[in-house]
Amino acid sequence: MASIGSASSLFLVLLASFSSFSLAAKIIVGDSNHWQFGFNYTDWALKKAPFYQHDSLVFMYEAPSNTTPPHSVYLLKNLKSFLGCDLKGAKLVGNVVQGGGPGFEFVLKKRKPHYFACGEHGGVHCSLGLMKFPVFPIRSYCHG
């Protein structure tokens, strides 16, 4: 029969184990490159994987100016749209000013493929500027 002391010790060990992990991470898209024309985000995402359900992707980009082109973030509807940088039916998740300062967060709520792209200049930033990437969130177990 376990003593009350050993049961409470076990509880404290389990509590300490779980508290040292985060159930969700905040990931800055592109790391220090942020969201900009000419950086290969698909390559970045492959190297950064795995992504977990409930992780937050933080998109950061400068507001448009005379020296900075506009950027946006769209969620494309499927792989075919992603491969062709087809914005028809895509959902705008970040307009040209939302990425300023601390940026904005997109939470990976579902375990399904997510296809992101810049929608500016009719998809040119996506097709020529490499401003697109997929993520495939997996079940969120304790990860830190």
Protein backbone atom coordinates (compact mmCIF):
# COMPACT_ATOMS: atom_id res chain seq x y z
CA MET A 1 0.00 0.00 0.00
CA ALA A 2 1.47 3.34 -1.03
CA SER A 3 1.89 5.95 1.61
CA ILE A 4 0.42 9.42 1.31
CA GLY A 5 3.95 10.82 1.17
CA SER A 6 4.98 8.69 -1.81
CA ALA A 7 1.71 9.45 -3.64
CA SER A 8 2.20 13.18 -3.20
CA SER A 9 5.85 12.84 -4.27
CA LEU A 10 4.77 11.04 -7.43
CA PHE A 11 2.21 13.78 -8.12
CA LEU A 12 4.88 16.49 -7.73
CA VAL A 13 7.26 14.65 -10.08
CA LEU A 14 4.51 14.32 -12.71
CA LEU A 15 3.53 17.96 -12.29
CA ALA A 16 7.16 19.08 -12.69
CA SER A 17 7.52 16.91 -15.79
CA PHE A 18 4.48 18.38 -17.49
CA SER A 19 5.21 21.97 -16.48
CA SER A 20 8.61 21.87 -18.19
CA PHE A 21 6.94 21.40 -21.59
CA SER A 22 4.94 23.79 -23.66
CA LEU A 23 1.85 22.56 -25.43
CA ALA A 24 2.23 25.14 -28.19
CA ALA A 25 5.13 27.06 -29.67
CA LYS A 26 5.31 30.51 -31.25
CA ILE A 27 7.28 30.26 -34.46
CA ILE A 28 8.41 33.36 -36.34
CA VAL A 29 7.94 32.65 -40.02
CA GLY A 30 11.31 32.92 -41.75
CA ASP A 31 13.08 33.36 -38.40
CA SER A 32 15.19 36.57 -38.64
CA ASN A 33 14.29 36.98 -42.34
CA HIS A 34 10.62 37.46 -41.42
CA TRP A 35 8.19 37.54 -44.40
CA GLN A 36 9.96 39.05 -47.41
CA PHE A 37 10.41 38.64 -51.14
CA GLY A 38 13.18 36.29 -52.29
CA PHE A 39 13.51 34.02 -49.23
CA ASN A 40 12.67 30.32 -49.76
CA TYR A 41 9.92 29.67 -47.21
CA THR A 42 9.18 26.14 -48.39
CA ASP A 43 12.78 25.20 -47.64
CA TRP A 44 12.52 27.02 -44.28
CA ALA A 45 9.35 25.08 -43.36
CA LEU A 46 10.91 21.74 -44.27
CA LYS A 47 13.90 22.48 -42.03
CA LYS A 48 11.72 23.87 -39.21
CA ALA A 49 9.31 20.92 -39.13
CA PRO A 50 7.62 19.32 -37.33
CA PHE A 51 4.82 21.75 -36.62
CA TYR A 52 2.22 20.82 -34.03
CA GLN A 53 -1.48 21.43 -33.69
CA HIS A 54 -1.97 24.65 -31.66
CA ASP A 55 1.44 26.10 -32.58
CA SER A 56 1.28 29.76 -33.60
CA LEU A 57 2.95 31.03 -36.74
CA VAL A 58 4.00 34.66 -36.32
CA PHE A 59 4.11 36.61 -39.57
CA MET A 60 6.21 39.78 -39.44
CA TYR A 61 6.70 42.18 -42.35
CA GLU A 62 7.04 45.89 -42.89
CA ALA A 63 4.11 48.00 -43.97
CA PRO A 64 4.36 49.13 -47.60
CA SER A 65 6.30 52.30 -48.32
CA ASN A 66 8.28 53.91 -51.15
CA THR A 67 11.09 51.41 -50.50
CA THR A 68 9.14 48.39 -49.21
CA PRO A 69 6.71 46.47 -51.41
CA PRO A 70 3.42 45.32 -49.87
CA HIS A 71 3.09 41.80 -48.51
CA SER A 72 0.09 39.83 -47.33
CA VAL A 73 -0.66 36.30 -46.17
CA TYR A 74 -3.22 34.03 -47.76
CA LEU A 75 -4.29 30.55 -46.81
CA LEU A 76 -4.62 28.62 -50.06
CA LYS A 77 -7.37 26.03 -50.37
CA ASN A 78 -5.36 22.98 -51.49
CA LEU A 79 -2.10 21.57 -52.84
CA LYS A 80 -2.99 22.35 -56.46
CA SER A 81 -3.60 26.01 -55.55
CA PHE A 82 -0.32 26.04 -53.63
CA LEU A 83 1.73 24.57 -56.47
CA GLY A 84 0.28 27.02 -58.99
CA CYS A 85 0.13 30.03 -56.64
CA ASP A 86 -3.58 30.22 -57.50
CA LEU A 87 -5.27 32.72 -55.19
CA LYS A 88 -8.83 31.94 -56.35
CA GLY A 89 -10.75 30.79 -53.30
CA ALA A 90 -7.86 31.62 -50.95
CA LYS A 91 -8.57 33.23 -47.58
CA LEU A 92 -6.80 36.46 -46.60
CA VAL A 93 -5.38 35.94 -43.10
CA GLY A 94 -3.04 38.95 -42.96
CA ASN A 95 -3.40 42.18 -44.93
CA VAL A 96 -0.53 44.49 -45.97
CA VAL A 97 -0.34 46.27 -42.60
CA GLN A 98 -0.99 43.44 -40.12
CA GLY A 99 2.60 42.18 -40.21
CA GLY A 100 4.05 45.39 -38.80
CA GLY A 101 5.59 45.66 -35.32
CA PRO A 102 5.13 42.37 -33.48
CA GLY A 103 3.30 40.93 -36.49
CA PHE A 104 0.24 38.71 -36.21
CA GLU A 105 -0.29 35.12 -35.18
CA PHE A 106 -1.98 32.33 -37.05
CA VAL A 107 -2.81 29.37 -34.80
CA LEU A 108 -2.66 25.91 -36.37
CA LYS A 109 -5.97 24.77 -34.88
CA LYS A 110 -6.52 21.72 -37.05
CA ARG A 111 -4.39 18.74 -38.03
CA LYS A 112 -4.69 19.31 -41.76
CA PRO A 113 -2.38 20.73 -44.42
CA HIS A 114 -2.07 24.51 -44.39
CA TYR A 115 -0.76 26.26 -47.50
CA PHE A 116 0.41 29.86 -47.03
CA ALA A 117 1.39 32.40 -49.70
CA CYS A 118 1.87 36.10 -50.29
CA GLY A 119 -0.94 37.29 -52.52
CA GLU A 120 0.52 40.57 -53.68
CA HIS A 121 1.05 41.49 -57.32
CA GLY A 122 -1.32 38.79 -58.52
CA GLY A 123 0.66 35.99 -56.95
CA VAL A 124 4.08 37.03 -58.31
CA HIS A 125 5.55 37.13 -54.80
CA CYS A 126 4.38 33.53 -54.42
CA SER A 127 5.58 32.21 -57.77
CA LEU A 128 8.77 34.20 -58.38
CA GLY A 129 9.60 35.38 -54.90
CA LEU A 130 9.25 32.01 -53.15
CA MET A 131 6.82 33.51 -50.61
CA LYS A 132 4.88 30.32 -49.99
CA PHE A 133 5.15 27.33 -47.72
CA PRO A 134 3.13 24.36 -46.49
CA VAL A 135 2.79 23.09 -42.94
CA PHE A 136 1.36 19.77 -41.85
CA PRO A 137 0.56 20.03 -38.12
CA ILE A 138 0.71 16.81 -36.19
CA ARG A 139 -1.01 15.86 -32.95
CA SER A 140 0.16 18.06 -30.12
CA TYR A 141 1.81 16.04 -27.41
CA CYS A 142 4.00 17.78 -24.89
CA HIS A 143 6.82 19.42 -26.78
CA GLY A 144 9.07 22.22 -25.76
